[in-house]
Each structure stands twice: as structure tokens, then as C-alpha cells.
PDB file of N, CA and C in Angstrom:
ATOM      1  N   MET A   1       0.434  -0.849   0.115  1.00  0.00           N
ATOM      2  CA  MET A   1       0.203  -0.088  -0.101  1.00  0.00           C
ATOM      3  C   MET A   1       1.009   1.069  -0.114  1.00  0.00           C
ATOM      4  N   ASP A   2       0.502   2.387  -0.838  1.00  0.00           N
ATOM      5  CA  ASP A   2       1.469   3.704  -0.942  1.00  0.00           C
ATOM      6  C   ASP A   2       1.182   4.035   0.195  1.00  0.00           C
ATOM      7  N   PRO A   3       1.928   4.682   1.035  1.00  0.00           N
ATOM      8  CA  PRO A   3       2.056   5.270   2.196  1.00  0.00           C
ATOM      9  C   PRO A   3       1.742   6.948   2.311  1.00  0.00           C
ATOM     10  N   LEU A   4       1.243   7.511   0.822  1.00  0.00           N
ATOM     11  CA  LEU A   4       1.082   8.473   0.468  1.00  0.00           C
ATOM     12  C   LEU A   4      -0.567   8.829   0.281  1.00  0.00           C
ATOM     13  N   ALA A   5      -1.306   7.473   0.116  1.00  0.00           N
ATOM     14  CA  ALA A   5      -2.716   7.207  -0.651  1.00  0.00           C
ATOM     15  C   ALA A   5      -3.397   7.858   0.519  1.00  0.00           C
ATOM     16  N   VAL A   6      -4.410   8.537   0.314  1.00  0.00           N
ATOM     17  CA  VAL A   6      -5.710   9.021   1.031  1.00  0.00           C
ATOM     18  C   VAL A   6      -6.724   7.609   1.104  1.00  0.00           C
ATOM     19  N   ASP A   7      -7.589   7.594   2.313  1.00  0.00           N
ATOM     20  CA  ASP A   7      -8.384   6.617   2.510  1.00  0.00           C
ATOM     21  C   ASP A   7      -9.592   7.882   2.349  1.00  0.00           C
ATOM     22  N   GLY A   8     -10.030   7.036   1.466  1.00  0.00           N
ATOM     23  CA  GLY A   8     -11.662   8.017   1.365  1.00  0.00           C
ATOM     24  C   GLY A   8     -12.362   8.236   2.641  1.00  0.00           C
ATOM     25  N   SER A   9     -12.364   7.064   3.339  1.00  0.00           N
ATOM     26  CA  SER A   9     -13.392   7.445   4.840  1.00  0.00           C
ATOM     27  C   SER A   9     -12.384   8.447   5.706  1.00  0.00           C
ATOM     28  N   LEU A  10     -11.041   8.415   5.688  1.00  0.00           N
ATOM     29  CA  LEU A  10     -10.230   8.957   6.554  1.00  0.00           C
ATOM     30  C   LEU A  10     -10.780  10.726   6.013  1.00  0.00           C
ATOM     31  N   VAL A  11     -10.591  10.590   4.466  1.00  0.00           N
ATOM     32  CA  VAL A  11     -11.215  12.517   4.381  1.00  0.00           C
ATOM     33  C   VAL A  11     -12.345  13.244   4.667  1.00  0.00           C
ATOM     34  N   THR A  12     -13.159  11.674   4.928  1.00  0.00           N
ATOM     35  CA  THR A  12     -14.692  12.076   5.260  1.00  0.00           C
ATOM     36  C   THR A  12     -14.899  12.153   6.626  1.00  0.00           C
ATOM     37  N   ASP A  13     -13.918  11.206   7.149  1.00  0.00           N
ATOM     38  CA  ASP A  13     -14.194  11.566   8.914  1.00  0.00           C
ATOM     39  C   ASP A  13     -12.833  12.558   9.420  1.00  0.00           C
ATOM     40  N   CYS A  14     -11.617  13.002   8.767  1.00  0.00           N
ATOM     41  CA  CYS A  14     -10.323  13.982   9.475  1.00  0.00           C
ATOM     42  C   CYS A  14     -11.411  15.280   8.667  1.00  0.00           C
ATOM     43  N   CYS A  15     -11.712  15.745   7.755  1.00  0.00           N
ATOM     44  CA  CYS A  15     -11.821  17.075   7.153  1.00  0.00           C
ATOM     45  C   CYS A  15     -12.906  17.340   7.129  1.00  0.00           C
ATOM     46  N   LYS A  16     -13.679  17.767   7.996  1.00  0.00           N
ATOM     47  CA  LYS A  16     -14.592  18.186   8.805  1.00  0.00           C
ATOM     48  C   LYS A  16     -14.976  20.110   8.546  1.00  0.00           C
ATOM     49  N   ALA A  17     -13.770  20.264   8.327  1.00  0.00           N
ATOM     50  CA  ALA A  17     -14.385  22.016   8.026  1.00  0.00           C
ATOM     51  C   ALA A  17     -13.906  22.313   6.489  1.00  0.00           C
ATOM     52  N   ALA A  18     -14.617  23.597   5.987  1.00  0.00           N
ATOM     53  CA  ALA A  18     -14.067  24.442   4.628  1.00  0.00           C
ATOM     54  C   ALA A  18     -14.067  25.627   4.608  1.00  0.00           C
ATOM     55  N   VAL A  19     -13.033  26.403   4.311  1.00  0.00           N
ATOM     56  CA  VAL A  19     -12.888  27.574   4.027  1.00  0.00           C
ATOM     57  C   VAL A  19     -14.381  28.251   3.500  1.00  0.00           C
ATOM     58  N   CYS A  20     -14.583  29.389   3.787  1.00  0.00           N
ATOM     59  CA  CYS A  20     -16.161  30.204   3.299  1.00  0.00           C
ATOM     60  C   CYS A  20     -15.416  31.225   2.587  1.00  0.00           C
ATOM     61  N   GLY A  21     -15.855  32.199   1.930  1.00  0.00           N
ATOM     62  CA  GLY A  21     -15.568  33.147   0.953  1.00  0.00           C
ATOM     63  C   GLY A  21     -14.758  34.320   1.903  1.00  0.00           C
ATOM     64  N   GLY A  22     -14.984  34.403   3.230  1.00  0.00           N
ATOM     65  CA  GLY A  22     -14.380  35.459   4.272  1.00  0.00           C
ATOM     66  C   GLY A  22     -12.885  34.609   4.601  1.00  0.00           C
ATOM     67  N   GLY A  23     -12.953  33.237   4.325  1.00  0.00           N
ATOM     68  CA  GLY A  23     -11.635  32.673   5.199  1.00  0.00           C
ATOM     69  C   GLY A  23     -11.885  32.511   6.183  1.00  0.00           C
ATOM     70  N   THR A  24     -13.302  32.018   6.562  1.00  0.00           N
ATOM     71  CA  THR A  24     -13.446  31.798   8.151  1.00  0.00           C
ATOM     72  C   THR A  24     -13.628  30.528   7.706  1.00  0.00           C
ATOM     73  N   ILE A  25     -13.585  29.629   8.693  1.00  0.00           N
ATOM     74  CA  ILE A  25     -14.397  28.272   8.758  1.00  0.00           C
ATOM     75  C   ILE A  25     -15.365  27.730   9.328  1.00  0.00           C
ATOM     76  N   ARG A  26     -16.289  27.129   8.590  1.00  0.00           N
ATOM     77  CA  ARG A  26     -17.517  26.634   8.946  1.00  0.00           C
ATOM     78  C   ARG A  26     -17.386  24.974   9.314  1.00  0.00           C
ATOM     79  N   ARG A  27     -18.252  24.383   9.814  1.00  0.00           N
ATOM     80  CA  ARG A  27     -18.342  22.719   9.740  1.00  0.00           C
ATOM     81  C   ARG A  27     -18.697  22.332   8.308  1.00  0.00           C
ATOM     82  N   VAL A  28     -18.704  21.403   8.220  1.00  0.00           N
ATOM     83  CA  VAL A  28     -19.253  20.539   6.993  1.00  0.00           C
ATOM     84  C   VAL A  28     -19.978  19.482   6.989  1.00  0.00           C
ATOM     85  N   GLU A  29     -21.356  19.841   6.771  1.00  0.00           N
ATOM     86  CA  GLU A  29     -21.793  18.241   7.504  1.00  0.00           C
ATOM     87  C   GLU A  29     -21.603  17.395   5.935  1.00  0.00           C
ATOM     88  N   GLY A  30     -21.527  16.128   6.253  1.00  0.00           N
ATOM     89  CA  GLY A  30     -21.700  14.962   5.422  1.00  0.00           C
ATOM     90  C   GLY A  30     -20.313  14.390   4.734  1.00  0.00           C
ATOM     91  N   GLU A  31     -20.009  14.176   3.929  1.00  0.00           N
ATOM     92  CA  GLU A  31     -18.514  13.918   2.874  1.00  0.00           C
ATOM     93  C   GLU A  31     -18.546  15.397   2.398  1.00  0.00           C
ATOM     94  N   VAL A  32     -16.977  15.291   1.984  1.00  0.00           N
ATOM     95  CA  VAL A  32     -16.538  16.683   1.404  1.00  0.00           C
ATOM     96  C   VAL A  32     -16.356  16.218   0.391  1.00  0.00           C
ATOM     97  N   THR A  33     -16.821  17.349  -0.467  1.00  0.00           N
ATOM     98  CA  THR A  33     -16.849  17.198  -1.909  1.00  0.00           C
ATOM     99  C   THR A  33     -15.499  17.623  -3.000  1.00  0.00           C
ATOM    100  N   ASP A  34     -15.197  17.011  -3.976  1.00  0.00           N
ATOM    101  CA  ASP A  34     -13.876  17.091  -4.916  1.00  0.00           C
ATOM    102  C   ASP A  34     -13.668  18.363  -4.516  1.00  0.00           C
ATOM    103  N   ARG A  35     -15.319  19.713  -5.219  1.00  0.00           N
ATOM    104  CA  ARG A  35     -14.869  21.090  -4.873  1.00  0.00           C
ATOM    105  C   ARG A  35     -14.248  21.699  -3.888  1.00  0.00           C
ATOM    106  N   GLN A  36     -15.120  21.434  -2.265  1.00  0.00           N
ATOM    107  CA  GLN A  36     -14.436  21.443  -1.277  1.00  0.00           C
ATOM    108  C   GLN A  36     -12.871  21.162  -0.739  1.00  0.00           C
ATOM    109  N   LEU A  37     -12.402  19.793  -1.229  1.00  0.00           N
ATOM    110  CA  LEU A  37     -11.623  19.583  -0.785  1.00  0.00           C
ATOM    111  C   LEU A  37     -10.508  20.483  -1.861  1.00  0.00           C
ATOM    112  N   GLU A  38     -10.850  20.850  -2.855  1.00  0.00           N
ATOM    113  CA  GLU A  38      -9.785  22.075  -3.615  1.00  0.00           C
ATOM    114  C   GLU A  38      -9.496  22.827  -3.055  1.00  0.00           C
ATOM    115  N   ALA A  39     -10.749  23.626  -2.455  1.00  0.00           N
ATOM    116  CA  ALA A  39     -10.678  24.881  -2.059  1.00  0.00           C
ATOM    117  C   ALA A  39     -10.071  24.479  -0.694  1.00  0.00           C
ATOM    118  N   LEU A  40      -9.857  23.665   0.174  1.00  0.00           N
ATOM    119  CA  LEU A  40      -8.953  23.606   0.628  1.00  0.00           C
ATOM    120  C   LEU A  40      -7.667  23.692   0.734  1.00  0.00           C
ATOM    121  N   LEU A  41      -7.400  22.682  -0.347  1.00  0.00           N
ATOM    122  CA  LEU A  41      -6.072  22.688  -0.872  1.00  0.00           C
ATOM    123  C   LEU A  41      -5.698  24.022  -1.462  1.00  0.00           C
ATOM    124  N   ALA A  42      -6.342  24.859  -2.255  1.00  0.00           N
ATOM    125  CA  ALA A  42      -5.658  26.038  -2.796  1.00  0.00           C
ATOM    126  C   ALA A  42      -5.815  26.521  -1.220  1.00  0.00           C
ATOM    127  N   ARG A  43      -6.388  26.621  -0.515  1.00  0.00           N
ATOM    128  CA  ARG A  43      -5.623  27.674   0.817  1.00  0.00           C
ATOM    129  C   ARG A  43      -4.997  27.116   1.829  1.00  0.00           C
ATOM    130  N   LEU A  44      -4.818  25.842   1.624  1.00  0.00           N
ATOM    131  CA  LEU A  44      -3.645  25.095   2.078  1.00  0.00           C
ATOM    132  C   LEU A  44      -1.935  25.331   1.750  1.00  0.00           C
ATOM    133  N   ASP A  45      -2.090  25.724  -0.101  1.00  0.00           N
ATOM    134  CA  ASP A  45      -1.106  26.384  -0.876  1.00  0.00           C
ATOM    135  C   ASP A  45      -0.916  27.812  -0.427  1.00  0.00           C
ATOM    136  N   ARG A  46      -1.857  28.850  -0.198  1.00  0.00           N
ATOM    137  CA  ARG A  46      -1.384  29.553   0.044  1.00  0.00           C
ATOM    138  C   ARG A  46      -1.333  29.836   1.428  1.00  0.00           C
ATOM    139  N   LEU A  47      -1.241  29.261   2.269  1.00  0.00           N
ATOM    140  CA  LEU A  47      -1.029  29.565   3.784  1.00  0.00           C
ATOM    141  C   LEU A  47       0.174  29.193   3.693  1.00  0.00           C
ATOM    142  N   VAL A  48       1.236  28.071   2.895  1.00  0.00           N
ATOM    143  CA  VAL A  48       2.296  27.594   2.688  1.00  0.00           C
ATOM    144  C   VAL A  48       2.824  28.850   2.279  1.00  0.00           C
ATOM    145  N   GLU A  49       2.347  29.332   1.334  1.00  0.00           N
ATOM    146  CA  GLU A  49       3.527  30.486   0.693  1.00  0.00           C
ATOM    147  C   GLU A  49       3.753  31.458   1.261  1.00  0.00           C
ATOM    148  N   GLU A  50       2.653  31.783   2.092  1.00  0.00           N
ATOM    149  CA  GLU A  50       2.498  33.059   2.786  1.00  0.00           C
ATOM    150  C   GLU A  50       3.570  32.706   4.375  1.00  0.00           C
ATOM    151  N   LEU A  51       3.770  31.732   4.543  1.00  0.00           N
ATOM    152  CA  LEU A  51       4.407  31.113   5.562  1.00  0.00           C
ATOM    153  C   LEU A  51       6.370  31.026   5.200  1.00  0.00           C
ATOM    154  N   ALA A  52       6.038  31.070   3.979  1.00  0.00           N
ATOM    155  CA  ALA A  52       7.502  30.846   3.551  1.00  0.00           C
ATOM    156  C   ALA A  52       7.786  32.098   3.541  1.00  0.00           C
ATOM    157  N   ARG A  53       7.244  33.201   3.091  1.00  0.00           N
ATOM    158  CA  ARG A  53       7.489  34.679   3.099  1.00  0.00           C
ATOM    159  C   ARG A  53       7.635  35.214   4.446  1.00  0.00           C
ATOM    160  N   LEU A  54       6.962  34.395   5.314  1.00  0.00           N
ATOM    161  CA  LEU A  54       7.660  35.457   6.769  1.00  0.00           C
ATOM    162  C   LEU A  54       8.509  34.468   7.042  1.00  0.00           C
ATOM    163  N   ASN A  55       8.994  33.311   6.918  1.00  0.00           N
ATOM    164  CA  ASN A  55      10.150  33.057   6.916  1.00  0.00           C
ATOM    165  C   ASN A  55      11.140  33.410   6.624  1.00  0.00           C
ATOM    166  N   LYS A  56      11.584  33.984   5.548  1.00  0.00           N
ATOM    167  CA  LYS A  56      12.366  34.621   5.011  1.00  0.00           C
ATOM    168  C   LYS A  56      12.433  36.010   5.321  1.00  0.00           C
ATOM    169  N   ARG A  57      11.444  36.492   5.526  1.00  0.00           N
ATOM    170  CA  ARG A  57      11.490  37.729   6.202  1.00  0.00           C
ATOM    171  C   ARG A  57      12.096  37.442   7.604  1.00  0.00           C
ATOM    172  N   GLN A  58      11.665  36.608   8.491  1.00  0.00           N
ATOM    173  CA  GLN A  58      12.769  36.595   9.786  1.00  0.00           C
ATOM    174  C   GLN A  58      14.012  36.353   9.693  1.00  0.00           C
ATOM    175  N   GLU A  59      14.662  35.310   8.910  1.00  0.00           N
ATOM    176  CA  GLU A  59      15.713  35.267   8.046  1.00  0.00           C
ATOM    177  C   GLU A  59      16.759  36.281   7.975  1.00  0.00           C
ATOM    178  N   SER A  60      15.918  37.553   7.534  1.00  0.00           N
ATOM    179  CA  SER A  60      16.821  38.811   6.562  1.00  0.00           C
ATOM    180  C   SER A  60      16.745  39.657   7.867  1.00  0.00           C
ATOM    181  N   ARG A  61      15.826  39.474   9.036  1.00  0.00           N
ATOM    182  CA  ARG A  61      15.736  40.235   9.940  1.00  0.00           C
ATOM    183  C   ARG A  61      17.114  39.798  11.022  1.00  0.00           C
ATOM    184  N   GLU A  62      17.847  38.365  11.203  1.00  0.00           N
ATOM    185  CA  GLU A  62      18.191  37.715  11.602  1.00  0.00           C
ATOM    186  C   GLU A  62      19.497  38.033  11.481  1.00  0.00           C
ATOM    187  N   GLU A  63      19.524  38.397   9.760  1.00  0.00           N
ATOM    188  CA  GLU A  63      21.056  38.501   9.439  1.00  0.00           C
ATOM    189  C   GLU A  63      20.811  40.207   9.796  1.00  0.00           C
ATOM    190  N   LEU A  64      20.437  41.117   9.739  1.00  0.00           N
ATOM    191  CA  LEU A  64      20.371  42.230  10.015  1.00  0.00           C
ATOM    192  C   LEU A  64      20.398  42.602  11.502  1.00  0.00           C
ATOM    193  N   THR A  65      19.932  41.677  12.447  1.00  0.00           N
ATOM    194  CA  THR A  65      20.587  41.474  13.719  1.00  0.00           C
ATOM    195  C   THR A  65      22.325  41.243  13.973  1.00  0.00           C
ATOM    196  N   VAL A  66      22.734  40.265  13.291  1.00  0.00           N
ATOM    197  CA  VAL A  66      24.260  40.370  12.705  1.00  0.00           C
ATOM    198  C   VAL A  66      24.940  41.036  12.664  1.00  0.00           C
ATOM    199  N   ILE A  67      24.550  41.681  11.637  1.00  0.00           N
ATOM    200  CA  ILE A  67      25.085  43.554  11.123  1.00  0.00           C
ATOM    201  C   ILE A  67      25.086  44.273  12.287  1.00  0.00           C
ATOM    202  N   ALA A  68      24.311  44.500  12.610  1.00  0.00           N
ATOM    203  CA  ALA A  68      24.033  46.113  13.751  1.00  0.00           C
ATOM    204  C   ALA A  68      24.847  45.502  14.922  1.00  0.00           C
ATOM    205  N   HIS A  69      24.946  43.947  14.949  1.00  0.00           N
ATOM    206  CA  HIS A  69      25.912  43.972  16.248  1.00  0.00           C
ATOM    207  C   HIS A  69      27.757  44.512  16.089  1.00  0.00           C
ATOM    208  N   GLU A  70      27.560  43.689  15.049  1.00  0.00           N
ATOM    209  CA  GLU A  70      28.760  44.084  14.168  1.00  0.00           C
ATOM    210  C   GLU A  70      29.392  45.505  14.067  1.00  0.00           C
ATOM    211  N   LEU A  71      28.188  46.522  13.572  1.00  0.00           N
ATOM    212  CA  LEU A  71      28.380  47.749  13.329  1.00  0.00           C
ATOM    213  C   LEU A  71      28.808  48.367  14.653  1.00  0.00           C
ATOM    214  N   ARG A  72      28.132  48.235  15.769  1.00  0.00           N
ATOM    215  CA  ARG A  72      28.525  48.809  17.112  1.00  0.00           C
ATOM    216  C   ARG A  72      29.790  48.277  17.772  1.00  0.00           C
ATOM    217  N   ASN A  73      29.915  47.441  17.310  1.00  0.00           N
ATOM    218  CA  ASN A  73      31.564  46.894  17.299  1.00  0.00           C
ATOM    219  C   ASN A  73      32.290  47.596  16.937  1.00  0.00           C
ATOM    220  N   LEU A  74      32.316  47.837  15.441  1.00  0.00           N
ATOM    221  CA  LEU A  74      33.044  48.466  14.697  1.00  0.00           C
ATOM    222  C   LEU A  74      33.015  50.030  15.353  1.00  0.00           C
ATOM    223  N   ASN A  75      31.990  50.865  15.257  1.00  0.00           N
ATOM    224  CA  ASN A  75      31.348  51.723  16.229  1.00  0.00           C
ATOM    225  C   ASN A  75      32.395  52.009  17.636  1.00  0.00           C
ATOM    226  N   GLU A  76      32.447  50.836  18.821  1.00  0.00           N
ATOM    227  CA  GLU A  76      33.350  51.164  19.665  1.00  0.00           C
ATOM    228  C   GLU A  76      34.851  51.263  19.352  1.00  0.00           C
ATOM    229  N   SER A  77      35.459  50.585  18.430  1.00  0.00           N
ATOM    230  CA  SER A  77      36.194  50.654  18.746  1.00  0.00           C
ATOM    231  C   SER A  77      37.047  51.933  17.319  1.00  0.00           C
ATOM    232  N   LEU A  78      35.947  52.462  16.870  1.00  0.00           N
ATOM    233  CA  LEU A  78      36.545  53.579  15.807  1.00  0.00           C
ATOM    234  C   LEU A  78      36.317  54.569  17.439  1.00  0.00           C
ATOM    235  N   GLN A  79      35.866  54.600  18.116  1.00  0.00           N
ATOM    236  CA  GLN A  79      35.762  55.375  19.341  1.00  0.00           C
ATOM    237  C   GLN A  79      37.086  55.561  20.137  1.00  0.00           C
ATOM    238  N   ALA A  80      37.617  54.529  20.242  1.00  0.00           N
ATOM    239  CA  ALA A  80      38.757  53.760  21.246  1.00  0.00           C
ATOM    240  C   ALA A  80      39.834  54.525  20.386  1.00  0.00           C
ATOM    241  N   LEU A  81      39.990  54.319  19.195  1.00  0.00           N
ATOM    242  CA  LEU A  81      41.556  54.788  18.071  1.00  0.00           C
ATOM    243  C   LEU A  81      40.861  56.187  18.450  1.00  0.00           C
ATOM    244  N   ALA A  82      39.476  56.581  18.442  1.00  0.00           N
ATOM    245  CA  ALA A  82      39.951  58.396  18.222  1.00  0.00           C
ATOM    246  C   ALA A  82      40.302  58.711  19.023  1.00  0.00           C
ATOM    247  N   TYR A  83      40.160  58.178  20.628  1.00  0.00           N
ATOM    248  CA  TYR A  83      40.519  58.626  21.919  1.00  0.00           C
ATOM    249  C   TYR A  83      41.504  58.238  22.390  1.00  0.00           C
ATOM    250  N   ALA A  84      42.610  57.477  21.227  1.00  0.00           N
ATOM    251  CA  ALA A  84      43.706  57.329  21.236  1.00  0.00           C
ATOM    252  C   ALA A  84      44.836  58.063  20.720  1.00  0.00           C
ATOM    253  N   ALA A  85      44.040  58.988  19.244  1.00  0.00           N
ATOM    254  CA  ALA A  85      44.965  59.804  18.854  1.00  0.00           C
ATOM    255  C   ALA A  85      44.831  60.822  19.071  1.00  0.00           C
ATOM    256  N   LEU A  86      43.691  61.294  20.310  1.00  0.00           N
ATOM    257  CA  LEU A  86      43.800  62.292  21.002  1.00  0.00           C
ATOM    258  C   LEU A  86      44.443  62.338  22.345  1.00  0.00           C
ATOM    259  N   GLY A  87      44.844  61.570  22.606  1.00  0.00           N
ATOM    260  CA  GLY A  87      46.293  61.027  23.626  1.00  0.00           C
ATOM    261  C   GLY A  87      44.677  60.793  24.767  1.00  0.00           C
ATOM    262  N   GLN A  88      44.937  60.685  26.222  1.00  0.00           N
ATOM    263  CA  GLN A  88      44.345  61.161  27.294  1.00  0.00           C
ATOM    264  C   GLN A  88      43.286  61.256  27.767  1.00  0.00           C
ATOM    265  N   GLN A  89      43.077  62.793  26.422  1.00  0.00           N
ATOM    266  CA  GLN A  89      42.372  63.592  26.548  1.00  0.00           C
ATOM    267  C   GLN A  89      40.754  63.146  25.735  1.00  0.00           C
ATOM    268  N   GLY A  90      39.678  63.503  26.224  1.00  0.00           N
ATOM    269  CA  GLY A  90      38.718  63.025  26.098  1.00  0.00           C
ATOM    270  C   GLY A  90      38.324  64.262  24.784  1.00  0.00           C
ATOM    271  N   PRO A  91      37.753  64.258  23.785  1.00  0.00           N
ATOM    272  CA  PRO A  91      37.508  65.349  22.407  1.00  0.00           C
ATOM    273  C   PRO A  91      36.830  66.150  23.554  1.00  0.00           C
ATOM    274  N   GLN A  92      36.640  67.682  22.772  1.00  0.00           N
ATOM    275  CA  GLN A  92      36.131  68.869  23.576  1.00  0.00           C
ATOM    276  C   GLN A  92      34.976  69.163  22.776  1.00  0.00           C
ATOM    277  N   VAL A  93      33.719  68.690  23.107  1.00  0.00           N
ATOM    278  CA  VAL A  93      32.777  68.888  22.323  1.00  0.00           C
ATOM    279  C   VAL A  93      31.558  70.001  23.340  1.00  0.00           C
ATOM    280  N   ARG A  94      30.926  70.710  22.179  1.00  0.00           N
ATOM    281  CA  ARG A  94      30.282  71.624  22.914  1.00  0.00           C
ATOM    282  C   ARG A  94      28.697  71.158  22.555  1.00  0.00           C
ATOM    283  N   ARG A  95      27.828  70.761  23.710  1.00  0.00           N
ATOM    284  CA  ARG A  95      26.734  70.381  23.647  1.00  0.00           C
ATOM    285  C   ARG A  95      25.751  71.517  22.922  1.00  0.00           C
ATOM    286  N   ARG A  96      24.632  71.354  21.930  1.00  0.00           N
ATOM    287  CA  ARG A  96      23.814  72.491  22.245  1.00  0.00           C
ATOM    288  C   ARG A  96      22.462  71.888  23.797  1.00  0.00           C
ATOM    289  N   ARG A  97      22.022  73.589  23.772  1.00  0.00           N
ATOM    290  CA  ARG A  97      21.348  73.231  24.993  1.00  0.00           C
ATOM    291  C   ARG A  97      19.944  73.108  24.404  1.00  0.00           C
ATOM    292  N   THR A  98      19.398  72.220  25.158  1.00  0.00           N
ATOM    293  CA  THR A  98      18.041  71.665  24.630  1.00  0.00           C
ATOM    294  C   THR A  98      16.652  72.673  25.290  1.00  0.00           C
ATOM    295  N   GLY A  99      16.048  72.813  24.974  1.00  0.00           N
ATOM    296  CA  GLY A  99      14.868  73.834  25.603  1.00  0.00           C
ATOM    297  C   GLY A  99      14.615  74.665  24.894  1.00  0.00           C
TER     298      GLY A  99
END
């Protein structure tokens, strides 16, 4: 027996919901028709695509976090070099008055 084959009674017993026009789920009485099953499969395909997009965005965010960390480290190093170039003295900076 093919492990990926779907038993007709299994589909009827397990798939008791259908996606309505607004994306809501309602209970289906009786057997699931081919049309309803196709609608469910199409909705699942759209969900898989959306999940793939979300995963890609998350991976990009994780990469940006690593880059931001490295930029902070570089900034600290540049500040240390700037202080070293000025000697032991910190820079003479005039600050604007707020208010």
C-alpha cells in the first residue's frame, strides 16, 4: 500500500471544515466534495506560500541583527581609536542646549 495514498473514509472523517469566502471556517456536514477539498488545498497552498514569505523575512531580520551587532563593535573600536589619537584626553565637544 502506498504510504501517501489517502483513504476516502479518512478524508470524510478528518476533513470536517471548509473555508468560506471570507476566510472563515465552517463545519461541513457529510462527505467533503471534490470542490470543497480543492478549495481547502488551495487555501493550504496559500498558507504555505505566506509562511515561506514570513520565514524569509525572519531570516533577513536575523541577518540584520548580526550586522547591527558588528556595526556596534566597529563603532566602539573607532571611538577607542579616536580617543587614542587625541591622547588621554577626551574630545572637547560643545553640546547644544535643549529647551
